[in-house]
Protein backbone atom coordinates (compact mmCIF):
# COMPACT_ATOMS: atom_id res chain seq x y z
CA MET A 1 165.83 82.85 32.67
CA GLY A 2 162.49 81.15 33.18
CA ASN A 3 160.42 79.38 35.77
CA SER A 4 157.63 77.75 33.84
CA THR A 5 159.04 74.56 32.34
CA PRO A 6 159.02 71.38 34.44
CA VAL A 7 162.25 69.35 34.24
CA PRO A 8 163.24 65.83 35.28
CA ASP A 9 164.24 65.27 38.90
CA ALA A 10 167.68 63.63 38.89
CA ASP A 11 166.99 61.61 42.04
CA LYS A 12 163.34 60.65 41.79
CA GLY A 13 162.72 60.41 38.06
CA GLY A 14 159.73 62.74 38.34
CA VAL A 15 159.38 66.39 37.46
CA HIS A 16 159.79 69.66 39.30
CA SER A 17 156.67 71.75 39.55
CA ALA A 18 156.73 75.09 37.75
CA GLN A 19 156.41 76.84 41.10
CA SER A 20 159.57 75.26 42.55
CA PHE A 21 161.93 75.54 39.60
CA THR A 22 163.89 78.40 38.05
CA GLN A 23 166.04 78.03 34.97
CA ILE A 24 168.93 80.49 34.79
CA VAL A 25 171.14 78.54 32.36
CA ALA A 26 169.35 76.55 29.68
CA ASP A 27 170.40 72.89 29.47
CA GLY A 28 172.46 73.31 32.62
CA ASP A 29 174.31 70.38 34.14
CA VAL A 30 173.69 71.43 37.76
CA ILE A 31 170.54 72.01 39.76
CA LEU A 32 170.88 73.74 43.12
CA VAL A 33 168.28 72.58 45.63
CA VAL A 34 168.05 75.54 47.97
CA GLY A 35 166.51 76.10 51.39
CA PRO A 36 163.87 74.21 53.34
CA SER A 37 161.42 74.56 50.45
CA ARG A 38 163.93 72.77 48.16
CA HIS A 39 163.57 75.42 45.46
CA LYS A 40 165.47 74.21 42.40
CA ILE A 41 167.67 76.44 40.26
CA GLU A 42 169.15 75.18 36.99
CA VAL A 43 172.63 76.51 36.23
CA SER A 44 175.91 75.23 34.80
CA ALA A 45 178.97 74.04 36.66
CA HIS A 46 181.14 76.23 34.44
CA PHE A 47 179.20 79.34 35.46
CA LEU A 48 179.27 78.47 39.17
CA LYS A 49 183.01 77.80 39.16
CA ARG A 50 183.73 81.09 37.41
CA ILE A 51 181.79 83.24 39.88
CA SER A 52 182.53 81.49 43.18
CA PRO A 53 185.72 79.97 44.64
CA VAL A 54 183.52 77.99 47.01
CA PHE A 55 181.61 76.38 44.15
CA GLN A 56 184.88 75.93 42.28
CA VAL A 57 186.24 73.78 45.10
CA MET A 58 182.93 71.98 45.63
CA LEU A 59 182.52 71.07 41.96
CA GLY A 60 186.16 70.48 41.12
CA ALA A 61 187.30 68.48 44.12
CA PRO A 62 187.00 64.68 44.47
CA MET A 63 183.88 65.07 46.58
CA LYS A 64 180.35 63.82 45.98
CA GLU A 65 179.38 66.77 43.77
CA GLY A 66 182.68 66.82 41.86
CA ASN A 67 182.62 63.09 41.23
CA ALA A 68 179.01 63.24 40.04
CA LEU A 69 179.91 65.91 37.48
CA ALA A 70 183.06 64.11 36.37
CA THR A 71 181.16 60.91 35.60
CA ARG A 72 178.07 62.60 34.12
CA CYS A 73 177.24 61.84 30.49
CA ASP A 74 175.63 64.34 28.12
CA ASN A 75 172.25 62.64 28.30
CA ASP A 76 172.23 62.31 32.09
CA ALA A 77 169.99 64.43 34.28
CA PRO A 78 171.61 67.48 35.92
CA VAL A 79 173.56 66.85 39.11
CA GLU A 80 171.67 68.08 42.17
CA ILE A 81 173.53 69.98 44.88
CA ILE A 82 171.62 70.30 48.14
CA LEU A 83 172.01 73.64 49.96
CA PRO A 84 169.49 73.41 52.83
CA GLU A 85 170.95 76.26 54.92
CA ASP A 86 170.80 78.91 52.20
CA LYS A 87 167.85 81.15 51.39
CA GLU A 88 166.06 80.61 48.11
CA ALA A 89 165.42 84.21 47.05
CA PRO A 90 168.94 85.66 47.44
CA MET A 91 170.51 82.60 45.79
CA GLU A 92 168.29 83.03 42.76
CA GLN A 93 168.81 86.81 42.76
CA VAL A 94 172.60 86.72 42.95
CA LEU A 95 172.92 84.03 40.28
CA SER A 96 170.48 85.83 37.97
CA THR A 97 172.30 89.12 38.47
CA LEU A 98 175.73 87.68 37.71
CA TYR A 99 174.44 85.74 34.72
CA GLY A 100 172.84 88.91 33.36
CA ALA A 101 169.45 87.34 32.94
CA ASP A 102 167.31 89.33 35.34
CA PRO A 103 166.18 92.89 34.53
CA SER A 104 164.45 93.03 37.93
CA SER A 105 167.88 93.20 39.59
CA LYS A 106 167.68 96.98 39.07
CA LYS A 107 164.74 97.15 41.46
CA TYR A 108 165.93 95.21 44.51
CA LEU A 109 164.87 96.60 47.87
CA MET A 110 167.53 97.26 50.48
CA ARG A 111 166.51 94.16 52.44
CA ASP A 112 167.04 92.11 49.27
CA VAL A 113 170.48 93.66 48.84
CA LYS A 114 171.43 92.70 52.40
CA GLU A 115 170.44 89.06 51.90
CA ILE A 116 172.31 88.98 48.60
CA ALA A 117 175.36 90.46 50.34
CA ILE A 118 175.32 87.83 53.10
CA LEU A 119 175.07 85.01 50.56
CA ALA A 120 177.73 86.55 48.32
CA GLU A 121 180.13 86.80 51.26
CA LYS A 122 179.57 83.13 52.11
CA TYR A 123 180.35 82.02 48.56
CA GLY A 124 183.17 84.49 47.85
CA MET A 125 181.25 86.47 45.23
CA VAL A 126 181.41 89.97 46.77
CA ASP A 127 184.02 91.34 44.35
CA ARG A 128 181.95 90.26 41.35
CA LEU A 129 178.98 92.25 42.65
CA GLU A 130 180.83 95.56 43.02
CA ILE A 131 179.36 97.27 39.97
CA PHE A 132 175.84 96.16 40.91
CA ALA A 133 176.30 97.09 44.57
CA ASN A 134 177.24 100.65 43.68
CA PHE A 135 173.99 100.88 41.72
CA TRP A 136 171.86 99.29 44.46
CA LEU A 137 173.22 101.65 47.12
CA ARG A 138 172.89 104.84 45.08
CA SER A 139 169.64 105.71 46.87
CA ILE A 140 171.50 106.44 50.10
CA ILE A 141 173.66 109.22 48.64
CA ASN A 142 173.28 112.30 50.86
CA MET A 143 171.05 110.33 53.23
CA ARG A 144 169.34 112.50 55.84
CA ILE A 145 167.60 110.78 58.73
CA THR A 146 166.34 111.91 62.13
CA GLU A 147 166.47 108.44 63.62
CA VAL A 148 168.06 105.16 62.62
CA SER A 149 165.58 102.87 60.87
CA ASP A 150 165.75 99.23 59.87
CA ASN A 151 166.31 100.38 56.29
CA ALA A 152 169.25 102.61 57.25
CA TRP A 153 170.88 99.84 59.29
CA THR A 154 170.33 97.41 56.42
CA ALA A 155 172.04 99.86 54.07
CA LEU A 156 175.02 100.13 56.44
CA VAL A 157 175.33 96.36 56.71
CA SER A 158 175.04 95.95 52.94
CA ALA A 159 177.69 98.59 52.27
CA PHE A 160 180.03 96.93 54.77
CA ILE A 161 179.66 93.39 53.44
CA LEU A 162 179.79 94.46 49.78
CA LYS A 163 182.81 96.71 50.51
CA ILE A 164 181.33 99.90 49.06
CA ASP A 165 183.39 102.48 50.94
CA TRP A 166 181.56 105.66 49.91
CA ALA A 167 178.20 104.18 50.94
CA PHE A 168 179.59 102.93 54.25
CA PHE A 169 180.87 106.44 54.99
CA ALA A 170 177.62 108.15 53.95
CA VAL A 171 175.29 105.91 55.97
CA SER A 172 177.46 105.93 59.10
CA LEU A 173 177.67 109.73 58.90
CA ALA A 174 173.88 109.98 58.69
CA MET A 175 173.51 107.63 61.67
CA ALA A 176 176.05 109.53 63.75
CA ARG A 177 173.88 112.65 63.40
CA THR A 178 171.01 110.93 65.21
CA LYS A 179 170.55 110.05 68.86
CA THR A 180 169.08 106.61 68.21
CA SER A 181 170.42 103.74 70.30
CA LEU A 182 171.96 101.11 68.05
CA LEU A 183 171.84 98.23 70.52
CA LYS A 184 168.87 96.43 68.96
CA PHE A 185 170.33 96.76 65.49
CA ALA A 186 173.79 95.57 66.51
CA ALA A 187 172.36 92.62 68.41
CA SER A 188 170.25 91.54 65.43
CA PHE A 189 173.19 91.38 63.02
CA HIS A 190 173.87 87.84 61.78
CA ASP A 191 177.49 88.23 62.91
CA LYS A 192 177.17 89.45 66.52
CA HIS A 193 180.83 90.47 66.79
CA THR A 194 180.71 92.67 63.70
CA GLY A 195 177.30 94.03 64.70
CA MET A 196 178.65 95.23 68.04
CA ARG A 197 181.71 96.74 66.34
CA LEU A 198 179.45 98.71 64.01
CA GLY A 199 177.38 99.98 66.92
CA MET A 200 180.43 100.96 68.97
CA ALA A 201 182.05 102.66 65.98
CA ILE A 202 179.07 104.94 65.40
CA GLU A 203 178.95 105.79 69.10
CA GLU A 204 182.63 106.73 68.83
CA LEU A 205 181.80 109.00 65.88
CA ARG A 206 179.20 110.74 68.02
CA SER A 207 181.43 111.17 71.06
CA THR A 208 184.43 112.33 69.02
CA TYR A 209 182.36 114.97 67.25
CA LEU A 210 180.86 116.20 70.53
CA GLY A 211 184.35 116.39 72.02
CA GLN A 212 185.49 118.64 69.18
CA LYS A 213 182.30 120.70 68.89
CA GLY A 214 182.98 124.40 69.12
CA THR A 215 186.62 124.04 68.05
CA THR A 216 188.28 124.53 64.69
CA LYS A 217 188.37 120.73 64.35
CA SER A 218 184.59 120.41 64.60
CA VAL A 219 183.58 118.62 61.40
CA GLU A 220 181.19 115.67 61.25
CA ARG A 221 182.59 112.46 59.86
CA GLY A 222 181.43 108.97 58.93
CA LEU A 223 183.34 105.71 59.11
CA CYS A 224 186.21 104.85 56.81
CA LEU A 225 185.70 101.27 55.64
CA PHE A 226 189.43 100.59 55.30
CA CYS A 227 190.20 101.72 58.84
CA PHE A 228 187.07 100.27 60.45
CA SER A 229 187.88 96.83 59.06
CA ARG A 230 191.36 96.96 60.61
CA ALA A 231 190.68 98.93 63.82
CA THR A 232 192.04 97.58 67.10
CA ASP A 233 192.06 100.63 69.42
CA SER A 234 189.99 103.30 67.65
CA PHE A 235 187.33 103.24 64.94
CA THR A 236 187.84 106.86 63.92
CA ARG A 237 191.63 107.09 63.73
CA GLN A 238 193.29 107.00 60.33
CA LEU A 239 195.51 103.96 59.93
CA GLN A 240 198.65 103.52 57.90
CA GLY A 241 197.76 102.61 54.34
CA CYS A 242 194.51 104.60 54.33
CA HIS A 243 194.25 107.05 51.44
CA SER A 244 191.13 108.87 52.65
CA PRO A 245 192.21 111.50 55.20
CA ASP A 246 189.01 113.46 54.53
CA ARG A 247 187.03 110.64 56.14
CA HIS A 248 188.68 111.14 59.51
CA PHE A 249 188.55 113.72 62.28
CA LYS A 250 191.41 116.17 62.47
CA VAL A 251 193.85 115.31 65.23
């Protein structure tokens, strides 16, 4: 991967500046033009179709992008795909990670992981990131906090989107032990419905534990990802098909 070599612009016949261009796949046949800054990322259609069902449809269907690739000759400039609504950094990070060309992927901050997760969910790449996500979230093992911070909420959101069940349980357990109101965090979530569900679920953890405190059932618990994702009347109740009884309160 590199970002220092200018390449021809398929539309304008000019060149990309070194500052606005990243090469992930050498001699790629596709250039993604991402975000309002129009950051350009060189990749290959084969790679994109393998890692994302969304890109597979986009590049394989009889649409503008698919037709451009189908009629492209070997000596033609790469086909540009404009993605103005996506963020430049997470697009580059997720593609570099999945291509295996970015050693810095071991050092992503939690806020980077969240943005990667949101983008991966949009493009159907979450399952491919599982092994990386487990590594990124390892820092929250045995998390102990006295109040919910932006970083803790970001870790919870990342664990939820990336479907890392042990991390989702650990972070929600740590949050349930605090008295911090989650309203501002829930309201700031990019998906308001899911944000409010997360906030309500942690409040239910708190109230359920307090209701059992002093009894033989009094054991703190976090959220089970399987059951949370399917909950309709309780976020803490174990649902049929769940194989993690130890992540639920005793009834």
